Amino acid sequence: MPRYVIERDFGNVDDDEMLEIAVLSKTLGLEQFPDITWEHSHVCSDDAGAVRMFCVYEAPSEDRVREHAARMGRHVVMAVYEIAGDVTPDEIKV
């Protein structure tokens, strides 16, 4: 099944709000989107405190990922990228 990186902009939210959003995302996935899997997310913030996340999902299509994001709300999807492959430092021989 394809995997995607979703770049999300949450603006200025605090830790409690981010926890609420994460719970909502997981609950939506379990209850309404059993065909997608949230693998993990990288949470980043800029100097002004705005939160941007880079989330990795396994899903049947980009449209399905975007549908989940739309139902979740409370953020803007900046981009969705299909993952072509993975590489780790251990795989690189020097």
N, C-alpha and C. Protein backbone atom coordinates (compact mmCIF):
# COMPACT_ATOMS: atom_id res chain seq x y z
N MET A 1 0.85 -1.18 0.00
CA MET A 1 0.00 0.00 0.00
C MET A 1 0.90 1.24 0.00
N PRO A 2 0.50 2.30 -0.70
CA PRO A 2 1.32 3.51 -0.74
C PRO A 2 1.45 4.17 0.63
N ARG A 3 2.55 4.90 0.78
CA ARG A 3 2.80 5.68 2.00
C ARG A 3 2.98 7.14 1.60
N TYR A 4 2.58 8.02 2.51
CA TYR A 4 2.59 9.45 2.22
C TYR A 4 3.17 10.24 3.40
N VAL A 5 3.82 11.36 3.07
CA VAL A 5 4.20 12.36 4.06
C VAL A 5 3.24 13.52 3.88
N ILE A 6 2.57 13.89 4.96
CA ILE A 6 1.63 15.01 4.93
C ILE A 6 2.26 16.16 5.73
N GLU A 7 2.44 17.29 5.07
CA GLU A 7 2.96 18.48 5.74
C GLU A 7 1.75 19.30 6.20
N ARG A 8 1.66 19.49 7.53
CA ARG A 8 0.50 20.16 8.12
C ARG A 8 0.94 21.42 8.87
N ASP A 9 0.17 22.48 8.77
CA ASP A 9 0.43 23.72 9.49
C ASP A 9 -0.70 23.93 10.49
N PHE A 10 -0.34 23.95 11.78
CA PHE A 10 -1.32 24.12 12.85
C PHE A 10 -1.33 25.54 13.42
N GLY A 11 -0.42 26.38 12.95
CA GLY A 11 -0.35 27.73 13.51
C GLY A 11 0.14 27.69 14.95
N ASN A 12 -0.27 28.68 15.72
CA ASN A 12 0.15 28.76 17.12
C ASN A 12 -0.83 28.01 18.01
N VAL A 13 -0.45 26.82 18.40
CA VAL A 13 -1.24 26.00 19.32
C VAL A 13 -0.35 25.58 20.48
N ASP A 14 -0.96 25.34 21.62
CA ASP A 14 -0.17 24.91 22.78
C ASP A 14 -0.19 23.38 22.88
N ASP A 15 0.53 22.87 23.85
CA ASP A 15 0.66 21.41 24.01
C ASP A 15 -0.68 20.73 24.24
N ASP A 16 -1.57 21.36 25.03
CA ASP A 16 -2.87 20.76 25.28
C ASP A 16 -3.70 20.66 23.99
N GLU A 17 -3.66 21.72 23.18
CA GLU A 17 -4.38 21.69 21.90
C GLU A 17 -3.82 20.62 20.97
N MET A 18 -2.49 20.50 20.94
CA MET A 18 -1.87 19.47 20.08
C MET A 18 -2.27 18.07 20.54
N LEU A 19 -2.37 17.87 21.84
CA LEU A 19 -2.81 16.57 22.33
C LEU A 19 -4.25 16.29 21.90
N GLU A 20 -5.13 17.29 22.00
CA GLU A 20 -6.51 17.13 21.55
C GLU A 20 -6.56 16.77 20.06
N ILE A 21 -5.75 17.45 19.27
CA ILE A 21 -5.71 17.20 17.83
C ILE A 21 -5.21 15.78 17.55
N ALA A 22 -4.18 15.35 18.26
CA ALA A 22 -3.64 14.00 18.06
C ALA A 22 -4.67 12.94 18.43
N VAL A 23 -5.39 13.16 19.53
CA VAL A 23 -6.44 12.21 19.93
C VAL A 23 -7.53 12.17 18.86
N LEU A 24 -7.93 13.33 18.36
CA LEU A 24 -8.94 13.38 17.31
C LEU A 24 -8.48 12.64 16.06
N SER A 25 -7.23 12.87 15.65
CA SER A 25 -6.69 12.20 14.47
C SER A 25 -6.72 10.68 14.64
N LYS A 26 -6.25 10.22 15.78
CA LYS A 26 -6.22 8.77 16.02
C LYS A 26 -7.63 8.19 16.07
N THR A 27 -8.54 8.88 16.76
CA THR A 27 -9.92 8.41 16.88
C THR A 27 -10.59 8.34 15.51
N LEU A 28 -10.42 9.40 14.70
CA LEU A 28 -10.98 9.37 13.35
C LEU A 28 -10.43 8.21 12.54
N GLY A 29 -9.12 7.99 12.67
CA GLY A 29 -8.51 6.89 11.94
C GLY A 29 -9.11 5.55 12.32
N LEU A 30 -9.25 5.34 13.60
CA LEU A 30 -9.78 4.05 14.08
C LEU A 30 -11.25 3.86 13.72
N GLU A 31 -12.05 4.93 13.86
CA GLU A 31 -13.50 4.80 13.69
C GLU A 31 -13.98 4.99 12.26
N GLN A 32 -13.35 5.90 11.49
CA GLN A 32 -13.88 6.23 10.18
C GLN A 32 -12.94 5.91 9.02
N PHE A 33 -11.66 5.68 9.33
CA PHE A 33 -10.67 5.44 8.29
C PHE A 33 -9.83 4.20 8.62
N PRO A 34 -10.46 3.05 8.76
CA PRO A 34 -9.70 1.85 9.12
C PRO A 34 -8.72 1.41 8.03
N ASP A 35 -8.84 1.98 6.84
CA ASP A 35 -7.96 1.62 5.73
C ASP A 35 -6.68 2.44 5.69
N ILE A 36 -6.50 3.37 6.64
CA ILE A 36 -5.25 4.11 6.70
C ILE A 36 -4.56 3.85 8.03
N THR A 37 -3.24 3.97 8.03
CA THR A 37 -2.44 3.75 9.24
C THR A 37 -1.53 4.96 9.45
N TRP A 38 -1.64 5.55 10.63
CA TRP A 38 -0.75 6.64 11.02
C TRP A 38 0.51 6.00 11.58
N GLU A 39 1.63 6.14 10.88
CA GLU A 39 2.88 5.53 11.31
C GLU A 39 3.58 6.37 12.39
N HIS A 40 3.81 7.64 12.10
CA HIS A 40 4.44 8.54 13.07
C HIS A 40 4.41 9.96 12.52
N SER A 41 4.76 10.91 13.39
CA SER A 41 4.80 12.32 12.99
C SER A 41 6.02 12.99 13.59
N HIS A 42 6.55 13.96 12.87
CA HIS A 42 7.62 14.83 13.36
C HIS A 42 6.98 16.18 13.63
N VAL A 43 7.07 16.66 14.87
CA VAL A 43 6.49 17.94 15.26
C VAL A 43 7.60 18.97 15.30
N CYS A 44 7.42 20.06 14.56
CA CYS A 44 8.41 21.13 14.48
C CYS A 44 7.73 22.45 14.84
N SER A 45 8.51 23.40 15.33
CA SER A 45 7.96 24.73 15.57
C SER A 45 8.98 25.77 15.16
N ASP A 46 8.48 26.93 14.72
CA ASP A 46 9.37 28.01 14.32
C ASP A 46 9.63 28.94 15.51
N ASP A 47 10.39 29.99 15.28
CA ASP A 47 10.74 30.92 16.35
C ASP A 47 9.53 31.60 16.98
N ALA A 48 8.45 31.73 16.23
CA ALA A 48 7.23 32.37 16.74
C ALA A 48 6.30 31.38 17.44
N GLY A 49 6.67 30.09 17.44
CA GLY A 49 5.87 29.08 18.11
C GLY A 49 4.85 28.38 17.23
N ALA A 50 4.81 28.71 15.95
CA ALA A 50 3.88 28.03 15.05
C ALA A 50 4.30 26.58 14.87
N VAL A 51 3.33 25.70 14.89
CA VAL A 51 3.60 24.26 14.83
C VAL A 51 3.34 23.74 13.41
N ARG A 52 4.30 23.01 12.90
CA ARG A 52 4.17 22.32 11.62
C ARG A 52 4.51 20.86 11.89
N MET A 53 3.73 19.96 11.30
CA MET A 53 3.97 18.53 11.48
C MET A 53 4.19 17.89 10.12
N PHE A 54 5.02 16.87 10.14
CA PHE A 54 5.28 16.03 8.97
C PHE A 54 4.88 14.62 9.39
N CYS A 55 3.73 14.16 8.88
CA CYS A 55 3.12 12.91 9.32
C CYS A 55 3.25 11.85 8.23
N VAL A 56 3.58 10.65 8.64
CA VAL A 56 3.70 9.53 7.70
C VAL A 56 2.49 8.62 7.88
N TYR A 57 1.78 8.42 6.77
CA TYR A 57 0.60 7.57 6.75
C TYR A 57 0.72 6.53 5.64
N GLU A 58 0.18 5.37 5.90
CA GLU A 58 -0.04 4.37 4.86
C GLU A 58 -1.52 4.47 4.51
N ALA A 59 -1.81 4.62 3.21
CA ALA A 59 -3.20 4.80 2.80
C ALA A 59 -3.37 4.34 1.35
N PRO A 60 -4.60 3.99 0.98
CA PRO A 60 -4.82 3.53 -0.39
C PRO A 60 -4.66 4.62 -1.44
N SER A 61 -4.79 5.91 -1.03
CA SER A 61 -4.65 6.99 -2.00
C SER A 61 -4.41 8.32 -1.30
N GLU A 62 -3.89 9.27 -2.07
CA GLU A 62 -3.72 10.63 -1.55
C GLU A 62 -5.08 11.24 -1.19
N ASP A 63 -6.07 10.97 -1.99
CA ASP A 63 -7.41 11.50 -1.71
C ASP A 63 -7.91 11.04 -0.35
N ARG A 64 -7.62 9.79 0.00
CA ARG A 64 -8.07 9.27 1.29
C ARG A 64 -7.36 9.98 2.44
N VAL A 65 -6.08 10.26 2.29
CA VAL A 65 -5.33 11.01 3.30
C VAL A 65 -5.91 12.41 3.44
N ARG A 66 -6.21 13.05 2.33
CA ARG A 66 -6.77 14.40 2.37
C ARG A 66 -8.17 14.41 2.98
N GLU A 67 -8.95 13.36 2.74
CA GLU A 67 -10.28 13.26 3.34
C GLU A 67 -10.16 13.19 4.86
N HIS A 68 -9.23 12.38 5.36
CA HIS A 68 -9.00 12.29 6.80
C HIS A 68 -8.62 13.65 7.36
N ALA A 69 -7.72 14.35 6.69
CA ALA A 69 -7.27 15.67 7.14
C ALA A 69 -8.43 16.67 7.16
N ALA A 70 -9.28 16.62 6.15
CA ALA A 70 -10.42 17.53 6.10
C ALA A 70 -11.39 17.29 7.25
N ARG A 71 -11.63 16.03 7.58
CA ARG A 71 -12.53 15.72 8.70
C ARG A 71 -11.91 16.13 10.02
N MET A 72 -10.59 16.03 10.11
CA MET A 72 -9.90 16.39 11.34
C MET A 72 -9.96 17.90 11.57
N GLY A 73 -9.79 18.69 10.50
CA GLY A 73 -9.83 20.13 10.62
C GLY A 73 -8.71 20.68 11.48
N ARG A 74 -8.85 21.94 11.89
CA ARG A 74 -7.94 22.61 12.82
C ARG A 74 -6.51 22.77 12.30
N HIS A 75 -6.31 22.61 10.98
CA HIS A 75 -4.99 22.79 10.39
C HIS A 75 -5.13 22.96 8.87
N VAL A 76 -4.02 23.30 8.26
CA VAL A 76 -3.96 23.42 6.80
C VAL A 76 -2.98 22.39 6.28
N VAL A 77 -3.39 21.63 5.28
CA VAL A 77 -2.47 20.70 4.62
C VAL A 77 -1.67 21.50 3.61
N MET A 78 -0.37 21.59 3.84
CA MET A 78 0.51 22.36 2.96
C MET A 78 0.90 21.55 1.73
N ALA A 79 1.10 20.23 1.93
CA ALA A 79 1.50 19.36 0.82
C ALA A 79 1.33 17.91 1.23
N VAL A 80 1.15 17.06 0.23
CA VAL A 80 1.14 15.61 0.43
C VAL A 80 2.12 15.03 -0.58
N TYR A 81 3.04 14.21 -0.09
CA TYR A 81 4.06 13.60 -0.94
C TYR A 81 3.95 12.08 -0.82
N GLU A 82 3.91 11.39 -1.96
CA GLU A 82 3.98 9.93 -1.90
C GLU A 82 5.43 9.54 -1.67
N ILE A 83 5.65 8.61 -0.75
CA ILE A 83 7.01 8.16 -0.42
C ILE A 83 7.45 7.14 -1.46
N ALA A 84 8.56 7.44 -2.11
CA ALA A 84 9.10 6.54 -3.14
C ALA A 84 9.94 5.42 -2.53
N GLY A 85 10.50 5.66 -1.36
CA GLY A 85 11.33 4.65 -0.70
C GLY A 85 11.93 5.23 0.56
N ASP A 86 12.62 4.40 1.30
CA ASP A 86 13.28 4.80 2.54
C ASP A 86 14.74 4.41 2.45
N VAL A 87 15.58 5.15 3.15
CA VAL A 87 17.01 4.83 3.23
C VAL A 87 17.49 5.19 4.64
N THR A 88 18.35 4.37 5.17
CA THR A 88 18.97 4.63 6.47
C THR A 88 20.47 4.75 6.31
N PRO A 89 21.14 5.42 7.23
CA PRO A 89 22.60 5.54 7.15
C PRO A 89 23.30 4.19 7.08
N ASP A 90 22.76 3.18 7.77
CA ASP A 90 23.37 1.85 7.77
C ASP A 90 23.38 1.21 6.39
N GLU A 91 22.48 1.63 5.51
CA GLU A 91 22.39 1.07 4.17
C GLU A 91 23.41 1.68 3.21
N ILE A 92 24.03 2.78 3.61
CA ILE A 92 24.99 3.47 2.75
C ILE A 92 26.40 3.00 3.10
N LYS A 93 27.06 2.40 2.14
CA LYS A 93 28.41 1.88 2.35
C LYS A 93 29.41 2.91 1.85
N VAL A 94 30.33 3.32 2.71
CA VAL A 94 31.36 4.28 2.33
C VAL A 94 32.74 3.68 2.48
